C-alpha atoms as a PDB file:
ATOM      1  CA  MET A   1      38.294  54.404  27.086  1.00  0.00           C
ATOM      2  CA  ALA A   2      36.755  54.996  30.541  1.00  0.00           C
ATOM      3  CA  LYS A   3      40.000  54.132  32.343  1.00  0.00           C
ATOM      4  CA  HIS A   4      41.579  57.238  30.741  1.00  0.00           C
ATOM      5  CA  GLY A   5      38.872  59.450  32.191  1.00  0.00           C
ATOM      6  CA  ALA A   6      40.878  61.009  34.999  1.00  0.00           C
ATOM      7  CA  PHE A   7      43.798  61.819  32.696  1.00  0.00           C
ATOM      8  CA  ALA A   8      41.471  63.263  30.036  1.00  0.00           C
ATOM      9  CA  ALA A   9      39.778  65.430  32.688  1.00  0.00           C
ATOM     10  CA  ALA A  10      43.083  66.785  33.921  1.00  0.00           C
ATOM     11  CA  LEU A  11      44.227  67.519  30.387  1.00  0.00           C
ATOM     12  CA  VAL A  12      41.042  69.281  29.434  1.00  0.00           C
ATOM     13  CA  VAL A  13      41.140  71.416  32.547  1.00  0.00           C
ATOM     14  CA  GLY A  14      44.811  72.241  31.844  1.00  0.00           C
ATOM     15  CA  LEU A  15      43.964  73.386  28.338  1.00  0.00           C
ATOM     16  CA  LEU A  16      41.012  75.446  29.592  1.00  0.00           C
ATOM     17  CA  ALA A  17      43.360  77.233  31.961  1.00  0.00           C
ATOM     18  CA  ALA A  18      45.567  78.116  29.035  1.00  0.00           C
ATOM     19  CA  ILE A  19      42.767  79.881  27.121  1.00  0.00           C
ATOM     20  CA  PRO A  20      43.068  83.657  27.693  1.00  0.00           C
ATOM     21  CA  ALA A  21      40.214  85.353  29.482  1.00  0.00           C
ATOM     22  CA  ALA A  22      40.153  88.276  26.985  1.00  0.00           C
ATOM     23  CA  VAL A  23      39.151  87.633  23.399  1.00  0.00           C
ATOM     24  CA  GLU A  24      42.183  88.019  21.147  1.00  0.00           C
ATOM     25  CA  SER A  25      40.625  86.524  18.022  1.00  0.00           C
ATOM     26  CA  ILE A  26      37.361  85.149  16.675  1.00  0.00           C
ATOM     27  CA  GLY A  27      36.054  81.692  16.228  1.00  0.00           C
ATOM     28  CA  VAL A  28      34.326  80.084  13.229  1.00  0.00           C
ATOM     29  CA  CYS A  29      31.504  77.499  13.193  1.00  0.00           C
ATOM     30  CA  TYR A  30      32.335  74.176  11.557  1.00  0.00           C
ATOM     31  CA  GLY A  31      29.306  73.178   9.490  1.00  0.00           C
ATOM     32  CA  VAL A  32      29.427  69.960   7.533  1.00  0.00           C
ATOM     33  CA  ASN A  33      26.347  70.042   5.290  1.00  0.00           C
ATOM     34  CA  GLY A  34      28.380  70.198   2.093  1.00  0.00           C
ATOM     35  CA  ALA A  35      29.605  67.770  -0.510  1.00  0.00           C
ATOM     36  CA  ARG A  36      33.341  66.864  -0.807  1.00  0.00           C
ATOM     37  CA  LEU A  37      34.367  68.841   2.305  1.00  0.00           C
ATOM     38  CA  PRO A  38      37.926  68.345   3.577  1.00  0.00           C
ATOM     39  CA  SER A  39      38.717  65.793   6.222  1.00  0.00           C
ATOM     40  CA  ALA A  40      38.481  66.887   9.867  1.00  0.00           C
ATOM     41  CA  SER A  41      42.266  66.900  10.170  1.00  0.00           C
ATOM     42  CA  GLU A  42      42.551  69.146   7.117  1.00  0.00           C
ATOM     43  CA  VAL A  43      39.866  71.454   8.579  1.00  0.00           C
ATOM     44  CA  VAL A  44      41.804  71.848  11.806  1.00  0.00           C
ATOM     45  CA  GLN A  45      44.914  72.764   9.870  1.00  0.00           C
ATOM     46  CA  LEU A  46      42.940  75.277   7.837  1.00  0.00           C
ATOM     47  CA  TYR A  47      41.752  76.943  11.060  1.00  0.00           C
ATOM     48  CA  LYS A  48      45.222  77.116  12.471  1.00  0.00           C
ATOM     49  CA  SER A  49      46.880  78.349   9.266  1.00  0.00           C
ATOM     50  CA  ASN A  50      44.383  81.227   9.187  1.00  0.00           C
ATOM     51  CA  GLY A  51      44.940  82.195  12.812  1.00  0.00           C
ATOM     52  CA  ILE A  52      41.404  81.132  13.884  1.00  0.00           C
ATOM     53  CA  THR A  53      41.467  80.218  17.533  1.00  0.00           C
ATOM     54  CA  GLY A  54      37.917  78.982  18.214  1.00  0.00           C
ATOM     55  CA  MET A  55      35.488  76.495  16.654  1.00  0.00           C
ATOM     56  CA  ARG A  56      31.850  75.600  17.196  1.00  0.00           C
ATOM     57  CA  VAL A  57      31.167  71.912  16.449  1.00  0.00           C
ATOM     58  CA  TYR A  58      27.591  70.929  15.623  1.00  0.00           C
ATOM     59  CA  ASN A  59      28.210  67.294  14.649  1.00  0.00           C
ATOM     60  CA  VAL A  60      30.219  65.805  17.512  1.00  0.00           C
ATOM     61  CA  ASN A  61      31.893  62.634  16.394  1.00  0.00           C
ATOM     62  CA  ASP A  62      35.109  60.678  17.096  1.00  0.00           C
ATOM     63  CA  ASP A  63      36.859  61.734  13.857  1.00  0.00           C
ATOM     64  CA  THR A  64      36.335  65.429  14.526  1.00  0.00           C
ATOM     65  CA  LEU A  65      37.249  65.197  18.214  1.00  0.00           C
ATOM     66  CA  LYS A  66      40.410  63.166  17.453  1.00  0.00           C
ATOM     67  CA  ALA A  67      41.425  65.739  14.784  1.00  0.00           C
ATOM     68  CA  LEU A  68      40.969  68.493  17.401  1.00  0.00           C
ATOM     69  CA  SER A  69      43.024  66.768  20.050  1.00  0.00           C
ATOM     70  CA  GLY A  70      46.057  68.956  20.940  1.00  0.00           C
ATOM     71  CA  SER A  71      44.964  71.750  18.573  1.00  0.00           C
ATOM     72  CA  ASN A  72      44.273  74.185  21.433  1.00  0.00           C
ATOM     73  CA  LEU A  73      41.289  75.486  19.549  1.00  0.00           C
ATOM     74  CA  GLY A  74      38.667  76.814  22.024  1.00  0.00           C
ATOM     75  CA  LEU A  75      35.538  74.712  21.427  1.00  0.00           C
ATOM     76  CA  ILE A  76      31.791  74.999  21.611  1.00  0.00           C
ATOM     77  CA  LEU A  77      30.357  71.453  21.463  1.00  0.00           C
ATOM     78  CA  ASP A  78      26.658  71.075  20.595  1.00  0.00           C
ATOM     79  CA  THR A  79      24.593  68.238  22.040  1.00  0.00           C
ATOM     80  CA  GLY A  80      22.243  68.415  19.059  1.00  0.00           C
ATOM     81  CA  ASN A  81      18.541  69.136  19.374  1.00  0.00           C
ATOM     82  CA  THR A  82      17.535  65.486  18.707  1.00  0.00           C
ATOM     83  CA  GLN A  83      19.325  64.530  22.003  1.00  0.00           C
ATOM     84  CA  LEU A  84      17.425  67.038  24.214  1.00  0.00           C
ATOM     85  CA  ASN A  85      14.605  64.805  25.355  1.00  0.00           C
ATOM     86  CA  ALA A  86      16.944  61.950  26.299  1.00  0.00           C
ATOM     87  CA  LEU A  87      19.300  64.310  28.096  1.00  0.00           C
ATOM     88  CA  ALA A  88      16.393  66.012  29.947  1.00  0.00           C
ATOM     89  CA  SER A  89      14.764  62.760  31.036  1.00  0.00           C
ATOM     90  CA  SER A  90      17.774  60.866  32.388  1.00  0.00           C
ATOM     91  CA  ALA A  91      20.878  61.774  34.363  1.00  0.00           C
ATOM     92  CA  SER A  92      22.531  58.541  33.115  1.00  0.00           C
ATOM     93  CA  ASN A  93      22.002  59.662  29.523  1.00  0.00           C
ATOM     94  CA  ALA A  94      23.777  62.915  30.358  1.00  0.00           C
ATOM     95  CA  ASP A  95      26.581  60.971  32.000  1.00  0.00           C
ATOM     96  CA  SER A  96      26.904  58.798  28.861  1.00  0.00           C
ATOM     97  CA  TRP A  97      27.043  61.845  26.615  1.00  0.00           C
ATOM     98  CA  VAL A  98      29.704  63.517  28.744  1.00  0.00           C
ATOM     99  CA  LYS A  99      31.762  60.338  28.950  1.00  0.00           C
ATOM    100  CA  ALA A 100      31.635  59.722  25.181  1.00  0.00           C
ATOM    101  CA  ASN A 101      32.181  63.240  23.948  1.00  0.00           C
ATOM    102  CA  VAL A 102      34.188  64.923  26.694  1.00  0.00           C
ATOM    103  CA  GLN A 103      35.642  62.696  29.385  1.00  0.00           C
ATOM    104  CA  SER A 104      37.071  59.984  27.079  1.00  0.00           C
ATOM    105  CA  GLN A 105      38.501  62.512  24.584  1.00  0.00           C
ATOM    106  CA  GLN A 106      42.052  63.717  25.253  1.00  0.00           C
ATOM    107  CA  GLY A 107      43.579  67.124  24.605  1.00  0.00           C
ATOM    108  CA  LEU A 108      40.411  69.122  23.875  1.00  0.00           C
ATOM    109  CA  ALA A 109      40.045  72.758  24.946  1.00  0.00           C
ATOM    110  CA  ILE A 110      36.288  72.645  25.464  1.00  0.00           C
ATOM    111  CA  LYS A 111      34.891  75.934  26.718  1.00  0.00           C
ATOM    112  CA  TYR A 112      31.149  75.508  26.356  1.00  0.00           C
ATOM    113  CA  ILE A 113      28.499  72.829  25.793  1.00  0.00           C
ATOM    114  CA  ALA A 114      25.552  74.168  23.776  1.00  0.00           C
ATOM    115  CA  VAL A 115      22.544  72.207  25.028  1.00  0.00           C
ATOM    116  CA  GLY A 116      20.186  72.904  22.158  1.00  0.00           C
ATOM    117  CA  ASN A 117      20.402  75.344  19.252  1.00  0.00           C
ATOM    118  CA  GLU A 118      17.561  77.731  18.451  1.00  0.00           C
ATOM    119  CA  VAL A 119      14.949  75.514  20.034  1.00  0.00           C
ATOM    120  CA  PRO A 120      12.271  74.968  18.753  1.00  0.00           C
ATOM    121  CA  ASN A 121      12.976  76.643  15.400  1.00  0.00           C
ATOM    122  CA  GLN A 122      15.704  74.135  14.601  1.00  0.00           C
ATOM    123  CA  GLY A 123      13.899  71.252  16.324  1.00  0.00           C
ATOM    124  CA  GLY A 124      13.434  70.106  19.912  1.00  0.00           C
ATOM    125  CA  ASN A 125      11.060  71.029  22.681  1.00  0.00           C
ATOM    126  CA  THR A 126      11.625  74.163  24.775  1.00  0.00           C
ATOM    127  CA  ALA A 127      10.480  72.269  27.873  1.00  0.00           C
ATOM    128  CA  ASP A 128      13.486  69.942  27.541  1.00  0.00           C
ATOM    129  CA  VAL A 129      16.190  72.639  27.363  1.00  0.00           C
ATOM    130  CA  LEU A 130      16.542  73.587  31.022  1.00  0.00           C
ATOM    131  CA  PRO A 131      16.346  70.030  32.489  1.00  0.00           C
ATOM    132  CA  ALA A 132      18.880  68.865  29.857  1.00  0.00           C
ATOM    133  CA  MET A 133      21.204  71.776  30.783  1.00  0.00           C
ATOM    134  CA  LYS A 134      20.933  70.864  34.464  1.00  0.00           C
ATOM    135  CA  ASN A 135      21.667  67.162  33.768  1.00  0.00           C
ATOM    136  CA  ILE A 136      24.719  67.952  31.557  1.00  0.00           C
ATOM    137  CA  GLN A 137      26.010  70.445  34.195  1.00  0.00           C
ATOM    138  CA  ALA A 138      25.681  67.791  36.936  1.00  0.00           C
ATOM    139  CA  ALA A 139      27.336  65.165  34.676  1.00  0.00           C
ATOM    140  CA  LEU A 140      30.291  67.449  34.038  1.00  0.00           C
ATOM    141  CA  VAL A 141      30.690  68.097  37.780  1.00  0.00           C
ATOM    142  CA  ARG A 142      30.574  64.380  38.499  1.00  0.00           C
ATOM    143  CA  ALA A 143      33.247  63.835  35.846  1.00  0.00           C
ATOM    144  CA  GLY A 144      35.502  66.478  37.397  1.00  0.00           C
ATOM    145  CA  LEU A 145      34.944  68.782  34.469  1.00  0.00           C
ATOM    146  CA  GLY A 146      33.017  71.599  36.133  1.00  0.00           C
ATOM    147  CA  GLY A 147      35.203  74.235  34.444  1.00  0.00           C
ATOM    148  CA  ILE A 148      33.351  73.689  31.163  1.00  0.00           C
ATOM    149  CA  LYS A 149      30.407  76.063  30.887  1.00  0.00           C
ATOM    150  CA  VAL A 150      26.939  74.767  30.023  1.00  0.00           C
ATOM    151  CA  SER A 151      24.559  76.953  28.031  1.00  0.00           C
ATOM    152  CA  THR A 152      22.069  76.932  25.167  1.00  0.00           C
ATOM    153  CA  ALA A 153      22.154  78.861  21.878  1.00  0.00           C
ATOM    154  CA  VAL A 154      19.250  81.164  21.082  1.00  0.00           C
ATOM    155  CA  HIS A 155      18.407  83.562  18.273  1.00  0.00           C
ATOM    156  CA  SER A 156      17.277  87.192  18.433  1.00  0.00           C
ATOM    157  CA  GLY A 157      13.642  86.130  18.072  1.00  0.00           C
ATOM    158  CA  VAL A 158      13.534  85.204  21.759  1.00  0.00           C
ATOM    159  CA  THR A 159      13.615  88.944  22.534  1.00  0.00           C
ATOM    160  CA  GLN A 160      11.333  91.882  21.826  1.00  0.00           C
ATOM    161  CA  GLY A 161      11.470  95.610  22.404  1.00  0.00           C
ATOM    162  CA  PHE A 162      12.970  98.769  20.842  1.00  0.00           C
ATOM    163  CA  PRO A 163      15.237 100.613  21.444  1.00  0.00           C
ATOM    164  CA  PRO A 164      17.759  98.129  22.894  1.00  0.00           C
ATOM    165  CA  SER A 165      17.190  99.330  26.503  1.00  0.00           C
ATOM    166  CA  GLN A 166      13.610  98.113  26.239  1.00  0.00           C
ATOM    167  CA  GLY A 167      14.608  94.530  25.425  1.00  0.00           C
ATOM    168  CA  THR A 168      12.691  91.709  27.180  1.00  0.00           C
ATOM    169  CA  PHE A 169      12.309  87.996  26.537  1.00  0.00           C
ATOM    170  CA  SER A 170       9.338  87.238  24.323  1.00  0.00           C
ATOM    171  CA  ALA A 171       9.780  83.465  24.831  1.00  0.00           C
ATOM    172  CA  ALA A 172       8.393  82.220  28.148  1.00  0.00           C
ATOM    173  CA  HIS A 173      11.070  79.509  28.585  1.00  0.00           C
ATOM    174  CA  MET A 174      13.924  82.038  28.561  1.00  0.00           C
ATOM    175  CA  PRO A 175      13.770  83.792  32.034  1.00  0.00           C
ATOM    176  CA  PRO A 176      14.240  80.527  33.943  1.00  0.00           C
ATOM    177  CA  ILE A 177      17.138  79.567  31.647  1.00  0.00           C
ATOM    178  CA  ALA A 178      18.676  83.039  32.117  1.00  0.00           C
ATOM    179  CA  GLN A 179      18.443  82.735  35.883  1.00  0.00           C
ATOM    180  CA  TYR A 180      19.962  79.269  35.819  1.00  0.00           C
ATOM    181  CA  LEU A 181      22.905  80.576  33.764  1.00  0.00           C
ATOM    182  CA  ALA A 182      23.407  83.287  36.350  1.00  0.00           C
ATOM    183  CA  SER A 183      23.395  80.721  39.161  1.00  0.00           C
ATOM    184  CA  ILE A 184      26.148  78.564  37.547  1.00  0.00           C
ATOM    185  CA  GLY A 185      28.237  81.468  36.109  1.00  0.00           C
ATOM    186  CA  SER A 186      27.711  80.550  32.474  1.00  0.00           C
ATOM    187  CA  PRO A 187      27.188  82.862  29.437  1.00  0.00           C
ATOM    188  CA  LEU A 188      24.152  82.864  27.146  1.00  0.00           C
ATOM    189  CA  LEU A 189      25.105  81.721  23.646  1.00  0.00           C
ATOM    190  CA  ALA A 190      23.320  84.025  21.124  1.00  0.00           C
ATOM    191  CA  ASN A 191      23.145  83.687  17.358  1.00  0.00           C
ATOM    192  CA  ILE A 192      23.136  87.313  16.161  1.00  0.00           C
ATOM    193  CA  TYR A 193      22.366  87.950  12.483  1.00  0.00           C
ATOM    194  CA  PRO A 194      21.923  91.562  11.362  1.00  0.00           C
ATOM    195  CA  TYR A 195      21.382  90.081   7.844  1.00  0.00           C
ATOM    196  CA  PHE A 196      18.114  88.424   8.857  1.00  0.00           C
ATOM    197  CA  SER A 197      16.939  91.527  10.773  1.00  0.00           C
ATOM    198  CA  PHE A 198      17.756  93.664   7.751  1.00  0.00           C
ATOM    199  CA  LYS A 199      15.893  91.330   5.363  1.00  0.00           C
ATOM    200  CA  GLY A 200      12.862  91.202   7.698  1.00  0.00           C
ATOM    201  CA  THR A 201      12.610  94.941   8.279  1.00  0.00           C
ATOM    202  CA  PRO A 202      12.515  97.118   5.103  1.00  0.00           C
ATOM    203  CA  SER A 203      13.162 100.318   7.036  1.00  0.00           C
ATOM    204  CA  ILE A 204      16.673  99.171   8.105  1.00  0.00           C
ATOM    205  CA  ASP A 205      19.456 100.675   5.982  1.00  0.00           C
ATOM    206  CA  ILE A 206      21.948  98.120   4.762  1.00  0.00           C
ATOM    207  CA  LYS A 207      24.849 100.328   5.911  1.00  0.00           C
ATOM    208  CA  TYR A 208      23.581 100.025   9.484  1.00  0.00           C
ATOM    209  CA  ALA A 209      23.615  96.216   9.062  1.00  0.00           C
ATOM    210  CA  LEU A 210      27.091  96.087   7.502  1.00  0.00           C
ATOM    211  CA  PHE A 211      28.880  98.296  10.057  1.00  0.00           C
ATOM    212  CA  THR A 212      29.313 101.038   7.432  1.00  0.00           C
ATOM    213  CA  ALA A 213      26.867 103.688   8.613  1.00  0.00           C
ATOM    214  CA  PRO A 214      28.726 107.019   8.773  1.00  0.00           C
ATOM    215  CA  GLY A 215      27.292 108.059  12.157  1.00  0.00           C
ATOM    216  CA  THR A 216      24.720 107.326  14.833  1.00  0.00           C
ATOM    217  CA  VAL A 217      21.530 105.641  13.587  1.00  0.00           C
ATOM    218  CA  VAL A 218      19.769 104.937  16.860  1.00  0.00           C
ATOM    219  CA  THR A 219      19.956 106.991  20.026  1.00  0.00           C
ATOM    220  CA  ASP A 220      18.905 105.195  23.213  1.00  0.00           C
ATOM    221  CA  GLY A 221      19.406 107.391  26.257  1.00  0.00           C
ATOM    222  CA  ARG A 222      23.114 107.809  26.776  1.00  0.00           C
ATOM    223  CA  ASN A 223      23.925 105.052  24.245  1.00  0.00           C
ATOM    224  CA  SER A 224      24.395 105.657  20.515  1.00  0.00           C
ATOM    225  CA  TYR A 225      24.195 102.871  17.946  1.00  0.00           C
ATOM    226  CA  GLN A 226      26.051 103.041  14.649  1.00  0.00           C
ATOM    227  CA  ASN A 227      25.519  99.324  13.769  1.00  0.00           C
ATOM    228  CA  LEU A 228      22.751  96.791  14.081  1.00  0.00           C
ATOM    229  CA  PHE A 229      24.992  94.078  15.591  1.00  0.00           C
ATOM    230  CA  ASP A 230      25.491  96.138  18.755  1.00  0.00           C
ATOM    231  CA  ALA A 231      21.759  96.933  18.961  1.00  0.00           C
ATOM    232  CA  LEU A 232      20.812  93.250  18.762  1.00  0.00           C
ATOM    233  CA  VAL A 233      23.373  92.203  21.360  1.00  0.00           C
ATOM    234  CA  ASP A 234      22.335  95.027  23.747  1.00  0.00           C
ATOM    235  CA  THR A 235      18.641  94.081  23.297  1.00  0.00           C
ATOM    236  CA  MET A 236      19.625  90.611  24.507  1.00  0.00           C
ATOM    237  CA  TYR A 237      21.537  92.143  27.432  1.00  0.00           C
ATOM    238  CA  SER A 238      18.485  94.191  28.417  1.00  0.00           C
ATOM    239  CA  ALA A 239      16.358  91.045  28.257  1.00  0.00           C
ATOM    240  CA  LEU A 240      18.763  89.294  30.597  1.00  0.00           C
ATOM    241  CA  GLU A 241      18.574  92.232  32.994  1.00  0.00           C
ATOM    242  CA  SER A 242      14.774  92.237  32.882  1.00  0.00           C
ATOM    243  CA  ALA A 243      14.807  88.540  33.755  1.00  0.00           C
ATOM    244  CA  GLY A 244      16.951  89.165  36.802  1.00  0.00           C
ATOM    245  CA  ALA A 245      20.097  87.768  35.115  1.00  0.00           C
ATOM    246  CA  GLY A 246      22.068  90.889  34.361  1.00  0.00           C
ATOM    247  CA  SER A 247      25.324  89.202  35.427  1.00  0.00           C
ATOM    248  CA  VAL A 248      25.155  86.758  32.514  1.00  0.00           C
ATOM    249  CA  PRO A 249      27.595  87.597  29.665  1.00  0.00           C
ATOM    250  CA  ILE A 250      26.809  86.961  26.044  1.00  0.00           C
ATOM    251  CA  VAL A 251      28.910  84.811  23.722  1.00  0.00           C
ATOM    252  CA  VAL A 252      27.929  85.380  20.086  1.00  0.00           C
ATOM    253  CA  SER A 253      27.750  81.761  18.966  1.00  0.00           C
ATOM    254  CA  GLU A 254      26.860  82.546  15.349  1.00  0.00           C
ATOM    255  CA  SER A 255      26.975  85.597  13.119  1.00  0.00           C
ATOM    256  CA  GLY A 256      27.494  86.003   9.385  1.00  0.00           C
ATOM    257  CA  TRP A 257      26.310  87.182   6.018  1.00  0.00           C
ATOM    258  CA  PRO A 258      25.664  85.092   2.883  1.00  0.00           C
ATOM    259  CA  SER A 259      27.627  85.666  -0.291  1.00  0.00           C
ATOM    260  CA  ALA A 260      24.989  84.512  -2.817  1.00  0.00           C
ATOM    261  CA  GLY A 261      21.296  83.720  -3.072  1.00  0.00           C
ATOM    262  CA  ASP A 262      19.601  87.169  -3.158  1.00  0.00           C
ATOM    263  CA  PRO A 263      20.524  90.675  -4.355  1.00  0.00           C
ATOM    264  CA  ASP A 264      21.889  91.660  -0.934  1.00  0.00           C
ATOM    265  CA  ALA A 265      23.790  88.412  -0.493  1.00  0.00           C
ATOM    266  CA  THR A 266      26.985  89.168  -2.448  1.00  0.00           C
ATOM    267  CA  ALA A 267      30.606  88.331  -1.837  1.00  0.00           C
ATOM    268  CA  ALA A 268      31.337  92.037  -1.355  1.00  0.00           C
ATOM    269  CA  ASN A 269      28.677  92.370   1.371  1.00  0.00           C
ATOM    270  CA  ALA A 270      29.710  89.165   3.061  1.00  0.00           C
ATOM    271  CA  GLN A 271      33.316  90.276   3.100  1.00  0.00           C
ATOM    272  CA  THR A 272      32.369  93.679   4.404  1.00  0.00           C
ATOM    273  CA  TYR A 273      30.204  92.334   7.230  1.00  0.00           C
ATOM    274  CA  ASN A 274      32.548  89.581   8.396  1.00  0.00           C
ATOM    275  CA  GLN A 275      35.700  91.667   8.178  1.00  0.00           C
ATOM    276  CA  ASN A 276      33.996  94.499  10.079  1.00  0.00           C
ATOM    277  CA  LEU A 277      32.724  92.008  12.674  1.00  0.00           C
ATOM    278  CA  ILE A 278      36.251  90.719  13.192  1.00  0.00           C
ATOM    279  CA  ASN A 279      37.547  94.271  13.579  1.00  0.00           C
ATOM    280  CA  HIS A 280      34.661  95.327  15.864  1.00  0.00           C
ATOM    281  CA  VAL A 281      34.357  92.554  18.462  1.00  0.00           C
ATOM    282  CA  GLY A 282      37.278  93.795  20.538  1.00  0.00           C
ATOM    283  CA  LYS A 283      35.384  97.048  21.294  1.00  0.00           C
ATOM    284  CA  GLY A 284      32.191  95.620  22.783  1.00  0.00           C
ATOM    285  CA  THR A 285      28.801  97.348  22.638  1.00  0.00           C
ATOM    286  CA  PRO A 286      27.558 100.678  24.011  1.00  0.00           C
ATOM    287  CA  LYS A 287      25.881  98.833  26.904  1.00  0.00           C
ATOM    288  CA  ARG A 288      28.793  96.473  27.576  1.00  0.00           C
ATOM    289  CA  PRO A 289      32.173  97.845  26.439  1.00  0.00           C
ATOM    290  CA  GLY A 290      34.983  95.329  26.262  1.00  0.00           C
ATOM    291  CA  ALA A 291      35.866  92.368  24.067  1.00  0.00           C
ATOM    292  CA  ILE A 292      33.040  90.161  22.796  1.00  0.00           C
ATOM    293  CA  GLU A 293      33.638  86.446  22.084  1.00  0.00           C
ATOM    294  CA  ALA A 294      32.129  85.667  18.719  1.00  0.00           C
ATOM    295  CA  TYR A 295      31.936  82.860  16.143  1.00  0.00           C
ATOM    296  CA  ILE A 296      31.410  83.483  12.472  1.00  0.00           C
ATOM    297  CA  PHE A 297      28.987  81.188  10.651  1.00  0.00           C
ATOM    298  CA  ALA A 298      30.475  79.275   8.864  1.00  0.00           C
ATOM    299  CA  MET A 299      33.760  77.841   7.734  1.00  0.00           C
ATOM    300  CA  PHE A 300      32.438  76.317   4.515  1.00  0.00           C
ATOM    301  CA  ASN A 301      29.668  76.900   1.984  1.00  0.00           C
ATOM    302  CA  GLU A 302      27.164  74.118   2.536  1.00  0.00           C
ATOM    303  CA  ASN A 303      25.516  73.090  -0.731  1.00  0.00           C
ATOM    304  CA  LEU A 304      23.513  70.263   0.906  1.00  0.00           C
ATOM    305  CA  LYS A 305      21.541  72.538   3.217  1.00  0.00           C
ATOM    306  CA  GLY A 306      17.831  72.955   2.654  1.00  0.00           C
ATOM    307  CA  GLY A 307      15.771  76.151   2.870  1.00  0.00           C
ATOM    308  CA  LEU A 308      16.534  79.354   1.010  1.00  0.00           C
ATOM    309  CA  GLU A 309      19.387  79.476  -1.425  1.00  0.00           C
ATOM    310  CA  THR A 310      21.231  81.936   0.847  1.00  0.00           C
ATOM    311  CA  GLU A 311      21.534  79.167   3.492  1.00  0.00           C
ATOM    312  CA  LYS A 312      24.052  77.400   1.226  1.00  0.00           C
ATOM    313  CA  HIS A 313      26.388  80.407   0.996  1.00  0.00           C
ATOM    314  CA  PHE A 314      27.458  81.532   4.462  1.00  0.00           C
ATOM    315  CA  GLY A 315      30.930  79.978   4.151  1.00  0.00           C
ATOM    316  CA  LEU A 316      34.287  81.723   4.328  1.00  0.00           C
ATOM    317  CA  PHE A 317      35.761  78.906   2.280  1.00  0.00           C
ATOM    318  CA  ASN A 318      34.757  76.605  -0.559  1.00  0.00           C
ATOM    319  CA  SER A 319      34.895  72.821  -0.298  1.00  0.00           C
ATOM    320  CA  ASP A 320      38.340  72.807  -1.957  1.00  0.00           C
ATOM    321  CA  LYS A 321      39.650  75.037   0.889  1.00  0.00           C
ATOM    322  CA  SER A 322      39.902  78.075  -1.410  1.00  0.00           C
ATOM    323  CA  PRO A 323      38.555  81.327   0.083  1.00  0.00           C
ATOM    324  CA  ALA A 324      35.065  82.342  -0.911  1.00  0.00           C
ATOM    325  CA  TYR A 325      36.407  85.887  -0.573  1.00  0.00           C
ATOM    326  CA  SER A 326      39.392  87.383   1.168  1.00  0.00           C
ATOM    327  CA  ILE A 327      39.266  87.778   4.924  1.00  0.00           C
ATOM    328  CA  ASN A 328      41.873  88.668   7.471  1.00  0.00           C
ATOM    329  CA  PHE A 329      41.836  87.224  10.975  1.00  0.00           C
END
């Protein structure tokens, strides 16, 4: 496959150039921890038939990448947390990963490489994240694919502070990562879940979490917050500013609401949250007006996931491709 590398690089770059700079739609994360899920080719068709223009891929494999070839879906590809140490410790390992998953694949509109997801909560060592990012970035440049942005995906727990303007990074590994992202012109990938903040903070009104509050809930200087999503994103923006990386944009790499598993996890609430998220992202936040790029978690309910019962019920669709509830993209 290596002899096709130059052609693949040119094709990927061409597809990247075709992706609009402004967000016109919303992506959906493609999780595969479910029984009897459709084939990758069926999944790609389901995305396209529903007008979904972006996909985050956690399990990068040949079948999925071949199904995505020529689809023009804007992609986030994850390296996986189990690969971080190898990618951090060896430039040749990063070259091999890029060759196998990017350079030798034709017709993919890859936008971002997520080097680690919620490290260390989802596994991996925080000390490996930045070196692995640097090695993947260098490998992409060597392959002629420097237009693909390298980042890492974090959750709201890496920040602290209230109201949003007081946001700082609570995790020591984050300021150097933020500064590196600024130096290479990449966004920070952030998994933003008002559901989890709502469940962890009894004082939060569910309407604030679901985008249904009738008016301002939090006033922060000149900024007024009517929904928790904006507050969480702007807390992350303030943390970036406090780290000297205020130029770094945020891509919301996960957000969603479960449809079963606890009294607040209902199909009605999941539909309300996700539909309101789709309708909202074109507006931006009080701190950063303008379209937000966002990815809903997830395409399918995943009955094989561990943890709380709610973890199995974040899907927009069931395994037979029927909608878990109605949603309009």
